[in-house]
Amino acid sequence: MTPAPVDAAPPLPSVASLPAADRAQLPPLKLSMHVYSDTPAQRFVILDGQRLAEGAAPTAGVVVEEIRRDGLVLSINGQRMLLTRP
């Protein structure tokens, strides 16, 4: 097993790991399309029927911080979470 690099960030918790009561207060967060590109301006997702780019706020308290190869990083009420792609 190869050790993680010293500067590697700890893994983000997934949206699914939120307590049920917290998830119930969120919109559905249904990820139906995920487009990643090495060029940030070309990245986008379709989340709950909305086309969103990095920095978009689809609903109060939720911000698309980053679109990565494995999914997207959301800030949910200030807490960073990973929503993995389907």
PDB file of N, CA and C in Angstrom:
ATOM      1  N   MET A   1       0.838  -1.167   0.000  1.00  0.00           N
ATOM      2  CA  MET A   1       0.000   0.000   0.000  1.00  0.00           C
ATOM      3  C   MET A   1       0.893   1.244   0.000  1.00  0.00           C
ATOM      4  N   THR A   2       0.624   2.144  -0.914  1.00  0.00           N
ATOM      5  CA  THR A   2       1.416   3.356  -1.032  1.00  0.00           C
ATOM      6  C   THR A   2       0.854   4.424  -0.113  1.00  0.00           C
ATOM      7  N   PRO A   3       1.697   5.062   0.702  1.00  0.00           N
ATOM      8  CA  PRO A   3       1.182   6.117   1.582  1.00  0.00           C
ATOM      9  C   PRO A   3       0.742   7.333   0.773  1.00  0.00           C
ATOM     10  N   ALA A   4      -0.218   8.059   1.286  1.00  0.00           N
ATOM     11  CA  ALA A   4      -0.702   9.271   0.630  1.00  0.00           C
ATOM     12  C   ALA A   4       0.377  10.339   0.715  1.00  0.00           C
ATOM     13  N   PRO A   5       0.446  11.203  -0.305  1.00  0.00           N
ATOM     14  CA  PRO A   5       1.412  12.296  -0.232  1.00  0.00           C
ATOM     15  C   PRO A   5       1.148  13.154   1.001  1.00  0.00           C
ATOM     16  N   VAL A   6       2.194  13.755   1.515  1.00  0.00           N
ATOM     17  CA  VAL A   6       2.104  14.548   2.740  1.00  0.00           C
ATOM     18  C   VAL A   6       1.116  15.702   2.580  1.00  0.00           C
ATOM     19  N   ASP A   7       1.065  16.328   1.388  1.00  0.00           N
ATOM     20  CA  ASP A   7       0.209  17.483   1.196  1.00  0.00           C
ATOM     21  C   ASP A   7      -1.197  17.117   0.717  1.00  0.00           C
ATOM     22  N   ALA A   8      -1.536  15.835   0.673  1.00  0.00           N
ATOM     23  CA  ALA A   8      -2.862  15.419   0.208  1.00  0.00           C
ATOM     24  C   ALA A   8      -3.923  15.835   1.229  1.00  0.00           C
ATOM     25  N   ALA A   9      -4.999  16.407   0.714  1.00  0.00           N
ATOM     26  CA  ALA A   9      -6.110  16.810   1.582  1.00  0.00           C
ATOM     27  C   ALA A   9      -6.876  15.570   2.023  1.00  0.00           C
ATOM     28  N   PRO A  10      -7.444  15.596   3.206  1.00  0.00           N
ATOM     29  CA  PRO A  10      -8.240  14.442   3.626  1.00  0.00           C
ATOM     30  C   PRO A  10      -9.449  14.304   2.715  1.00  0.00           C
ATOM     31  N   PRO A  11      -9.954  13.096   2.542  1.00  0.00           N
ATOM     32  CA  PRO A  11     -11.108  12.912   1.672  1.00  0.00           C
ATOM     33  C   PRO A  11     -12.321  13.678   2.203  1.00  0.00           C
ATOM     34  N   LEU A  12     -13.119  14.162   1.282  1.00  0.00           N
ATOM     35  CA  LEU A  12     -14.330  14.884   1.669  1.00  0.00           C
ATOM     36  C   LEU A  12     -15.430  13.904   2.034  1.00  0.00           C
ATOM     37  N   PRO A  13     -16.258  14.243   2.992  1.00  0.00           N
ATOM     38  CA  PRO A  13     -17.416  13.384   3.278  1.00  0.00           C
ATOM     39  C   PRO A  13     -18.393  13.471   2.111  1.00  0.00           C
ATOM     40  N   SER A  14     -19.139  12.420   1.894  1.00  0.00           N
ATOM     41  CA  SER A  14     -20.129  12.430   0.815  1.00  0.00           C
ATOM     42  C   SER A  14     -21.443  13.008   1.320  1.00  0.00           C
ATOM     43  N   VAL A  15     -22.228  13.511   0.382  1.00  0.00           N
ATOM     44  CA  VAL A  15     -23.546  14.029   0.729  1.00  0.00           C
ATOM     45  C   VAL A  15     -24.374  12.918   1.384  1.00  0.00           C
ATOM     46  N   ALA A  16     -24.194  11.694   0.900  1.00  0.00           N
ATOM     47  CA  ALA A  16     -24.937  10.559   1.464  1.00  0.00           C
ATOM     48  C   ALA A  16     -24.602  10.303   2.923  1.00  0.00           C
ATOM     49  N   SER A  17     -23.443  10.793   3.388  1.00  0.00           N
ATOM     50  CA  SER A  17     -23.054  10.559   4.779  1.00  0.00           C
ATOM     51  C   SER A  17     -23.694  11.553   5.757  1.00  0.00           C
ATOM     52  N   LEU A  18     -24.396  12.553   5.226  1.00  0.00           N
ATOM     53  CA  LEU A  18     -25.088  13.490   6.116  1.00  0.00           C
ATOM     54  C   LEU A  18     -26.179  12.767   6.897  1.00  0.00           C
ATOM     55  N   PRO A  19     -26.450  13.196   8.106  1.00  0.00           N
ATOM     56  CA  PRO A  19     -27.578  12.615   8.842  1.00  0.00           C
ATOM     57  C   PRO A  19     -28.887  12.824   8.054  1.00  0.00           C
ATOM     58  N   ALA A  20     -29.800  11.897   8.190  1.00  0.00           N
ATOM     59  CA  ALA A  20     -31.063  11.931   7.443  1.00  0.00           C
ATOM     60  C   ALA A  20     -31.812  13.249   7.633  1.00  0.00           C
ATOM     61  N   ALA A  21     -31.801  13.786   8.843  1.00  0.00           N
ATOM     62  CA  ALA A  21     -32.508  15.045   9.116  1.00  0.00           C
ATOM     63  C   ALA A  21     -31.895  16.193   8.315  1.00  0.00           C
ATOM     64  N   ASP A  22     -30.566  16.201   8.174  1.00  0.00           N
ATOM     65  CA  ASP A  22     -29.899  17.245   7.397  1.00  0.00           C
ATOM     66  C   ASP A  22     -30.177  17.075   5.900  1.00  0.00           C
ATOM     67  N   ARG A  23     -30.120  15.827   5.403  1.00  0.00           N
ATOM     68  CA  ARG A  23     -30.410  15.565   3.986  1.00  0.00           C
ATOM     69  C   ARG A  23     -31.834  15.956   3.639  1.00  0.00           C
ATOM     70  N   ALA A  24     -32.771  15.768   4.562  1.00  0.00           N
ATOM     71  CA  ALA A  24     -34.176  16.087   4.310  1.00  0.00           C
ATOM     72  C   ALA A  24     -34.390  17.583   4.079  1.00  0.00           C
ATOM     73  N   GLN A  25     -33.482  18.416   4.574  1.00  0.00           N
ATOM     74  CA  GLN A  25     -33.603  19.864   4.409  1.00  0.00           C
ATOM     75  C   GLN A  25     -32.999  20.358   3.091  1.00  0.00           C
ATOM     76  N   LEU A  26     -32.353  19.482   2.340  1.00  0.00           N
ATOM     77  CA  LEU A  26     -31.705  19.841   1.085  1.00  0.00           C
ATOM     78  C   LEU A  26     -32.624  19.572  -0.098  1.00  0.00           C
ATOM     79  N   PRO A  27     -32.354  20.247  -1.225  1.00  0.00           N
ATOM     80  CA  PRO A  27     -33.064  19.866  -2.450  1.00  0.00           C
ATOM     81  C   PRO A  27     -32.632  18.453  -2.835  1.00  0.00           C
ATOM     82  N   PRO A  28     -33.262  17.833  -3.830  1.00  0.00           N
ATOM     83  CA  PRO A  28     -32.931  16.439  -4.171  1.00  0.00           C
ATOM     84  C   PRO A  28     -31.464  16.188  -4.538  1.00  0.00           C
ATOM     85  N   LEU A  29     -30.782  17.194  -5.122  1.00  0.00           N
ATOM     86  CA  LEU A  29     -29.387  17.048  -5.553  1.00  0.00           C
ATOM     87  C   LEU A  29     -29.207  15.861  -6.496  1.00  0.00           C
ATOM     88  N   LYS A  30     -30.091  15.783  -7.485  1.00  0.00           N
ATOM     89  CA  LYS A  30     -30.007  14.714  -8.486  1.00  0.00           C
ATOM     90  C   LYS A  30     -29.058  15.154  -9.598  1.00  0.00           C
ATOM     91  N   LEU A  31     -27.933  14.465  -9.692  1.00  0.00           N
ATOM     92  CA  LEU A  31     -26.921  14.756 -10.696  1.00  0.00           C
ATOM     93  C   LEU A  31     -27.229  13.917 -11.932  1.00  0.00           C
ATOM     94  N   SER A  32     -27.691  14.563 -13.009  1.00  0.00           N
ATOM     95  CA  SER A  32     -28.057  13.809 -14.206  1.00  0.00           C
ATOM     96  C   SER A  32     -27.026  13.923 -15.324  1.00  0.00           C
ATOM     97  N   MET A  33     -26.132  14.906 -15.244  1.00  0.00           N
ATOM     98  CA  MET A  33     -25.050  15.012 -16.223  1.00  0.00           C
ATOM     99  C   MET A  33     -23.842  15.633 -15.547  1.00  0.00           C
ATOM    100  N   HIS A  34     -22.682  15.114 -15.909  1.00  0.00           N
ATOM    101  CA  HIS A  34     -21.419  15.568 -15.328  1.00  0.00           C
ATOM    102  C   HIS A  34     -20.417  15.677 -16.467  1.00  0.00           C
ATOM    103  N   VAL A  35     -19.937  16.885 -16.751  1.00  0.00           N
ATOM    104  CA  VAL A  35     -18.957  17.079 -17.821  1.00  0.00           C
ATOM    105  C   VAL A  35     -17.704  17.684 -17.207  1.00  0.00           C
ATOM    106  N   TYR A  36     -16.619  16.916 -17.252  1.00  0.00           N
ATOM    107  CA  TYR A  36     -15.338  17.387 -16.734  1.00  0.00           C
ATOM    108  C   TYR A  36     -14.425  17.700 -17.912  1.00  0.00           C
ATOM    109  N   SER A  37     -13.661  18.742 -17.784  1.00  0.00           N
ATOM    110  CA  SER A  37     -12.654  19.121 -18.769  1.00  0.00           C
ATOM    111  C   SER A  37     -11.442  19.639 -18.009  1.00  0.00           C
ATOM    112  N   ASP A  38     -10.261  19.502 -18.621  1.00  0.00           N
ATOM    113  CA  ASP A  38      -9.073  20.096 -18.024  1.00  0.00           C
ATOM    114  C   ASP A  38      -9.175  21.618 -18.009  1.00  0.00           C
ATOM    115  N   THR A  39     -10.030  22.162 -18.859  1.00  0.00           N
ATOM    116  CA  THR A  39     -10.275  23.607 -18.913  1.00  0.00           C
ATOM    117  C   THR A  39     -11.468  23.920 -18.022  1.00  0.00           C
ATOM    118  N   PRO A  40     -11.262  24.590 -16.885  1.00  0.00           N
ATOM    119  CA  PRO A  40     -12.359  24.834 -15.942  1.00  0.00           C
ATOM    120  C   PRO A  40     -13.592  25.484 -16.551  1.00  0.00           C
ATOM    121  N   ALA A  41     -13.428  26.385 -17.511  1.00  0.00           N
ATOM    122  CA  ALA A  41     -14.572  27.071 -18.115  1.00  0.00           C
ATOM    123  C   ALA A  41     -15.474  26.118 -18.901  1.00  0.00           C
ATOM    124  N   GLN A  42     -14.978  24.942 -19.247  1.00  0.00           N
ATOM    125  CA  GLN A  42     -15.775  23.980 -20.019  1.00  0.00           C
ATOM    126  C   GLN A  42     -16.461  22.936 -19.132  1.00  0.00           C
ATOM    127  N   ARG A  43     -16.240  22.984 -17.833  1.00  0.00           N
ATOM    128  CA  ARG A  43     -16.868  22.034 -16.908  1.00  0.00           C
ATOM    129  C   ARG A  43     -18.284  22.486 -16.580  1.00  0.00           C
ATOM    130  N   PHE A  44     -19.198  21.514 -16.495  1.00  0.00           N
ATOM    131  CA  PHE A  44     -20.548  21.835 -16.031  1.00  0.00           C
ATOM    132  C   PHE A  44     -21.240  20.560 -15.566  1.00  0.00           C
ATOM    133  N   VAL A  45     -22.313  20.754 -14.840  1.00  0.00           N
ATOM    134  CA  VAL A  45     -23.147  19.645 -14.388  1.00  0.00           C
ATOM    135  C   VAL A  45     -24.609  20.023 -14.620  1.00  0.00           C
ATOM    136  N   ILE A  46     -25.443  19.015 -14.704  1.00  0.00           N
ATOM    137  CA  ILE A  46     -26.885  19.225 -14.653  1.00  0.00           C
ATOM    138  C   ILE A  46     -27.304  18.663 -13.299  1.00  0.00           C
ATOM    139  N   LEU A  47     -27.704  19.562 -12.414  1.00  0.00           N
ATOM    140  CA  LEU A  47     -28.069  19.207 -11.051  1.00  0.00           C
ATOM    141  C   LEU A  47     -29.493  19.681 -10.808  1.00  0.00           C
ATOM    142  N   ASP A  48     -30.378  18.751 -10.485  1.00  0.00           N
ATOM    143  CA  ASP A  48     -31.794  19.072 -10.280  1.00  0.00           C
ATOM    144  C   ASP A  48     -32.371  19.835 -11.474  1.00  0.00           C
ATOM    145  N   GLY A  49     -31.952  19.418 -12.687  1.00  0.00           N
ATOM    146  CA  GLY A  49     -32.495  20.014 -13.903  1.00  0.00           C
ATOM    147  C   GLY A  49     -31.883  21.342 -14.305  1.00  0.00           C
ATOM    148  N   GLN A  50     -30.881  21.832 -13.565  1.00  0.00           N
ATOM    149  CA  GLN A  50     -30.236  23.111 -13.876  1.00  0.00           C
ATOM    150  C   GLN A  50     -28.813  22.873 -14.376  1.00  0.00           C
ATOM    151  N   ARG A  51     -28.445  23.566 -15.451  1.00  0.00           N
ATOM    152  CA  ARG A  51     -27.053  23.511 -15.919  1.00  0.00           C
ATOM    153  C   ARG A  51     -26.260  24.486 -15.054  1.00  0.00           C
ATOM    154  N   LEU A  52     -25.212  23.973 -14.402  1.00  0.00           N
ATOM    155  CA  LEU A  52     -24.434  24.772 -13.451  1.00  0.00           C
ATOM    156  C   LEU A  52     -22.947  24.638 -13.723  1.00  0.00           C
ATOM    157  N   ALA A  53     -22.232  25.733 -13.501  1.00  0.00           N
ATOM    158  CA  ALA A  53     -20.775  25.741 -13.585  1.00  0.00           C
ATOM    159  C   ALA A  53     -20.221  25.957 -12.178  1.00  0.00           C
ATOM    160  N   GLU A  54     -18.902  25.884 -12.061  1.00  0.00           N
ATOM    161  CA  GLU A  54     -18.269  26.134 -10.763  1.00  0.00           C
ATOM    162  C   GLU A  54     -18.611  27.537 -10.286  1.00  0.00           C
ATOM    163  N   GLY A  55     -18.939  27.653  -9.022  1.00  0.00           N
ATOM    164  CA  GLY A  55     -19.291  28.935  -8.426  1.00  0.00           C
ATOM    165  C   GLY A  55     -20.785  29.201  -8.389  1.00  0.00           C
ATOM    166  N   ALA A  56     -21.573  28.378  -9.068  1.00  0.00           N
ATOM    167  CA  ALA A  56     -23.027  28.566  -9.100  1.00  0.00           C
ATOM    168  C   ALA A  56     -23.649  28.188  -7.758  1.00  0.00           C
ATOM    169  N   ALA A  57     -24.766  28.847  -7.441  1.00  0.00           N
ATOM    170  CA  ALA A  57     -25.518  28.563  -6.210  1.00  0.00           C
ATOM    171  C   ALA A  57     -26.934  28.162  -6.619  1.00  0.00           C
ATOM    172  N   PRO A  58     -27.183  26.853  -6.761  1.00  0.00           N
ATOM    173  CA  PRO A  58     -28.489  26.405  -7.232  1.00  0.00           C
ATOM    174  C   PRO A  58     -29.634  26.664  -6.257  1.00  0.00           C
ATOM    175  N   THR A  59     -29.317  26.779  -4.991  1.00  0.00           N
ATOM    176  CA  THR A  59     -30.328  27.047  -3.967  1.00  0.00           C
ATOM    177  C   THR A  59     -29.640  27.675  -2.756  1.00  0.00           C
ATOM    178  N   ALA A  60     -30.397  28.274  -1.889  1.00  0.00           N
ATOM    179  CA  ALA A  60     -29.807  28.933  -0.714  1.00  0.00           C
ATOM    180  C   ALA A  60     -28.975  27.937   0.101  1.00  0.00           C
ATOM    181  N   GLY A  61     -27.760  28.337   0.414  1.00  0.00           N
ATOM    182  CA  GLY A  61     -26.891  27.511   1.248  1.00  0.00           C
ATOM    183  C   GLY A  61     -26.103  26.457   0.506  1.00  0.00           C
ATOM    184  N   VAL A  62     -26.302  26.337  -0.822  1.00  0.00           N
ATOM    185  CA  VAL A  62     -25.587  25.326  -1.613  1.00  0.00           C
ATOM    186  C   VAL A  62     -24.817  26.032  -2.735  1.00  0.00           C
ATOM    187  N   VAL A  63     -23.501  25.754  -2.815  1.00  0.00           N
ATOM    188  CA  VAL A  63     -22.651  26.330  -3.857  1.00  0.00           C
ATOM    189  C   VAL A  63     -21.848  25.206  -4.508  1.00  0.00           C
ATOM    190  N   VAL A  64     -21.774  25.210  -5.846  1.00  0.00           N
ATOM    191  CA  VAL A  64     -20.918  24.283  -6.578  1.00  0.00           C
ATOM    192  C   VAL A  64     -19.509  24.868  -6.521  1.00  0.00           C
ATOM    193  N   GLU A  65     -18.667  24.306  -5.670  1.00  0.00           N
ATOM    194  CA  GLU A  65     -17.309  24.837  -5.500  1.00  0.00           C
ATOM    195  C   GLU A  65     -16.367  24.354  -6.592  1.00  0.00           C
ATOM    196  N   GLU A  66     -16.475  23.074  -6.944  1.00  0.00           N
ATOM    197  CA  GLU A  66     -15.505  22.492  -7.874  1.00  0.00           C
ATOM    198  C   GLU A  66     -16.144  21.312  -8.587  1.00  0.00           C
ATOM    199  N   ILE A  67     -15.867  21.197  -9.879  1.00  0.00           N
ATOM    200  CA  ILE A  67     -16.284  20.022 -10.647  1.00  0.00           C
ATOM    201  C   ILE A  67     -15.018  19.221 -10.904  1.00  0.00           C
ATOM    202  N   ARG A  68     -14.978  18.013 -10.351  1.00  0.00           N
ATOM    203  CA  ARG A  68     -13.807  17.141 -10.456  1.00  0.00           C
ATOM    204  C   ARG A  68     -14.145  15.942 -11.326  1.00  0.00           C
ATOM    205  N   ARG A  69     -13.141  15.162 -11.648  1.00  0.00           N
ATOM    206  CA  ARG A  69     -13.366  13.947 -12.452  1.00  0.00           C
ATOM    207  C   ARG A  69     -14.339  12.989 -11.762  1.00  0.00           C
ATOM    208  N   ASP A  70     -14.268  12.902 -10.431  1.00  0.00           N
ATOM    209  CA  ASP A  70     -15.070  11.913  -9.699  1.00  0.00           C
ATOM    210  C   ASP A  70     -16.420  12.444  -9.220  1.00  0.00           C
ATOM    211  N   GLY A  71     -16.708  13.701  -9.476  1.00  0.00           N
ATOM    212  CA  GLY A  71     -17.979  14.262  -9.031  1.00  0.00           C
ATOM    213  C   GLY A  71     -17.848  15.755  -8.819  1.00  0.00           C
ATOM    214  N   LEU A  72     -18.653  16.296  -7.920  1.00  0.00           N
ATOM    215  CA  LEU A  72     -18.548  17.715  -7.666  1.00  0.00           C
ATOM    216  C   LEU A  72     -18.500  17.987  -6.179  1.00  0.00           C
ATOM    217  N   VAL A  73     -17.764  19.038  -5.849  1.00  0.00           N
ATOM    218  CA  VAL A  73     -17.637  19.466  -4.466  1.00  0.00           C
ATOM    219  C   VAL A  73     -18.668  20.565  -4.240  1.00  0.00           C
ATOM    220  N   LEU A  74     -19.543  20.325  -3.292  1.00  0.00           N
ATOM    221  CA  LEU A  74     -20.564  21.292  -2.921  1.00  0.00           C
ATOM    222  C   LEU A  74     -20.236  21.863  -1.559  1.00  0.00           C
ATOM    223  N   SER A  75     -20.521  23.128  -1.391  1.00  0.00           N
ATOM    224  CA  SER A  75     -20.492  23.732  -0.070  1.00  0.00           C
ATOM    225  C   SER A  75     -21.948  23.786   0.368  1.00  0.00           C
ATOM    226  N   ILE A  76     -22.270  23.055   1.415  1.00  0.00           N
ATOM    227  CA  ILE A  76     -23.637  22.999   1.924  1.00  0.00           C
ATOM    228  C   ILE A  76     -23.635  23.654   3.291  1.00  0.00           C
ATOM    229  N   ASN A  77     -24.184  24.853   3.332  1.00  0.00           N
ATOM    230  CA  ASN A  77     -24.176  25.648   4.560  1.00  0.00           C
ATOM    231  C   ASN A  77     -22.765  25.758   5.137  1.00  0.00           C
ATOM    232  N   GLY A  78     -21.777  25.953   4.235  1.00  0.00           N
ATOM    233  CA  GLY A  78     -20.396  26.138   4.651  1.00  0.00           C
ATOM    234  C   GLY A  78     -19.597  24.862   4.833  1.00  0.00           C
ATOM    235  N   GLN A  79     -20.221  23.704   4.732  1.00  0.00           N
ATOM    236  CA  GLN A  79     -19.512  22.432   4.879  1.00  0.00           C
ATOM    237  C   GLN A  79     -19.264  21.841   3.502  1.00  0.00           C
ATOM    238  N   ARG A  80     -18.001  21.523   3.194  1.00  0.00           N
ATOM    239  CA  ARG A  80     -17.653  20.952   1.894  1.00  0.00           C
ATOM    240  C   ARG A  80     -18.003  19.462   1.876  1.00  0.00           C
ATOM    241  N   MET A  81     -18.718  19.068   0.801  1.00  0.00           N
ATOM    242  CA  MET A  81     -19.167  17.681   0.663  1.00  0.00           C
ATOM    243  C   MET A  81     -18.919  17.248  -0.786  1.00  0.00           C
ATOM    244  N   LEU A  82     -18.772  15.962  -1.003  1.00  0.00           N
ATOM    245  CA  LEU A  82     -18.584  15.408  -2.341  1.00  0.00           C
ATOM    246  C   LEU A  82     -19.864  14.727  -2.787  1.00  0.00           C
ATOM    247  N   LEU A  83     -20.348  15.122  -3.952  1.00  0.00           N
ATOM    248  CA  LEU A  83     -21.468  14.438  -4.601  1.00  0.00           C
ATOM    249  C   LEU A  83     -20.854  13.697  -5.783  1.00  0.00           C
ATOM    250  N   THR A  84     -20.769  12.368  -5.675  1.00  0.00           N
ATOM    251  CA  THR A  84     -20.098  11.583  -6.707  1.00  0.00           C
ATOM    252  C   THR A  84     -20.986  11.476  -7.946  1.00  0.00           C
ATOM    253  N   ARG A  85     -20.336  11.325  -9.073  1.00  0.00           N
ATOM    254  CA  ARG A  85     -21.081  11.229 -10.335  1.00  0.00           C
ATOM    255  C   ARG A  85     -21.745   9.862 -10.420  1.00  0.00           C
ATOM    256  N   PRO A  86     -22.841   9.804 -11.182  1.00  0.00           N
ATOM    257  CA  PRO A  86     -23.554   8.515 -11.290  1.00  0.00           C
ATOM    258  C   PRO A  86     -22.757   7.489 -12.068  1.00  0.00           C
TER     259      PRO A  86
END
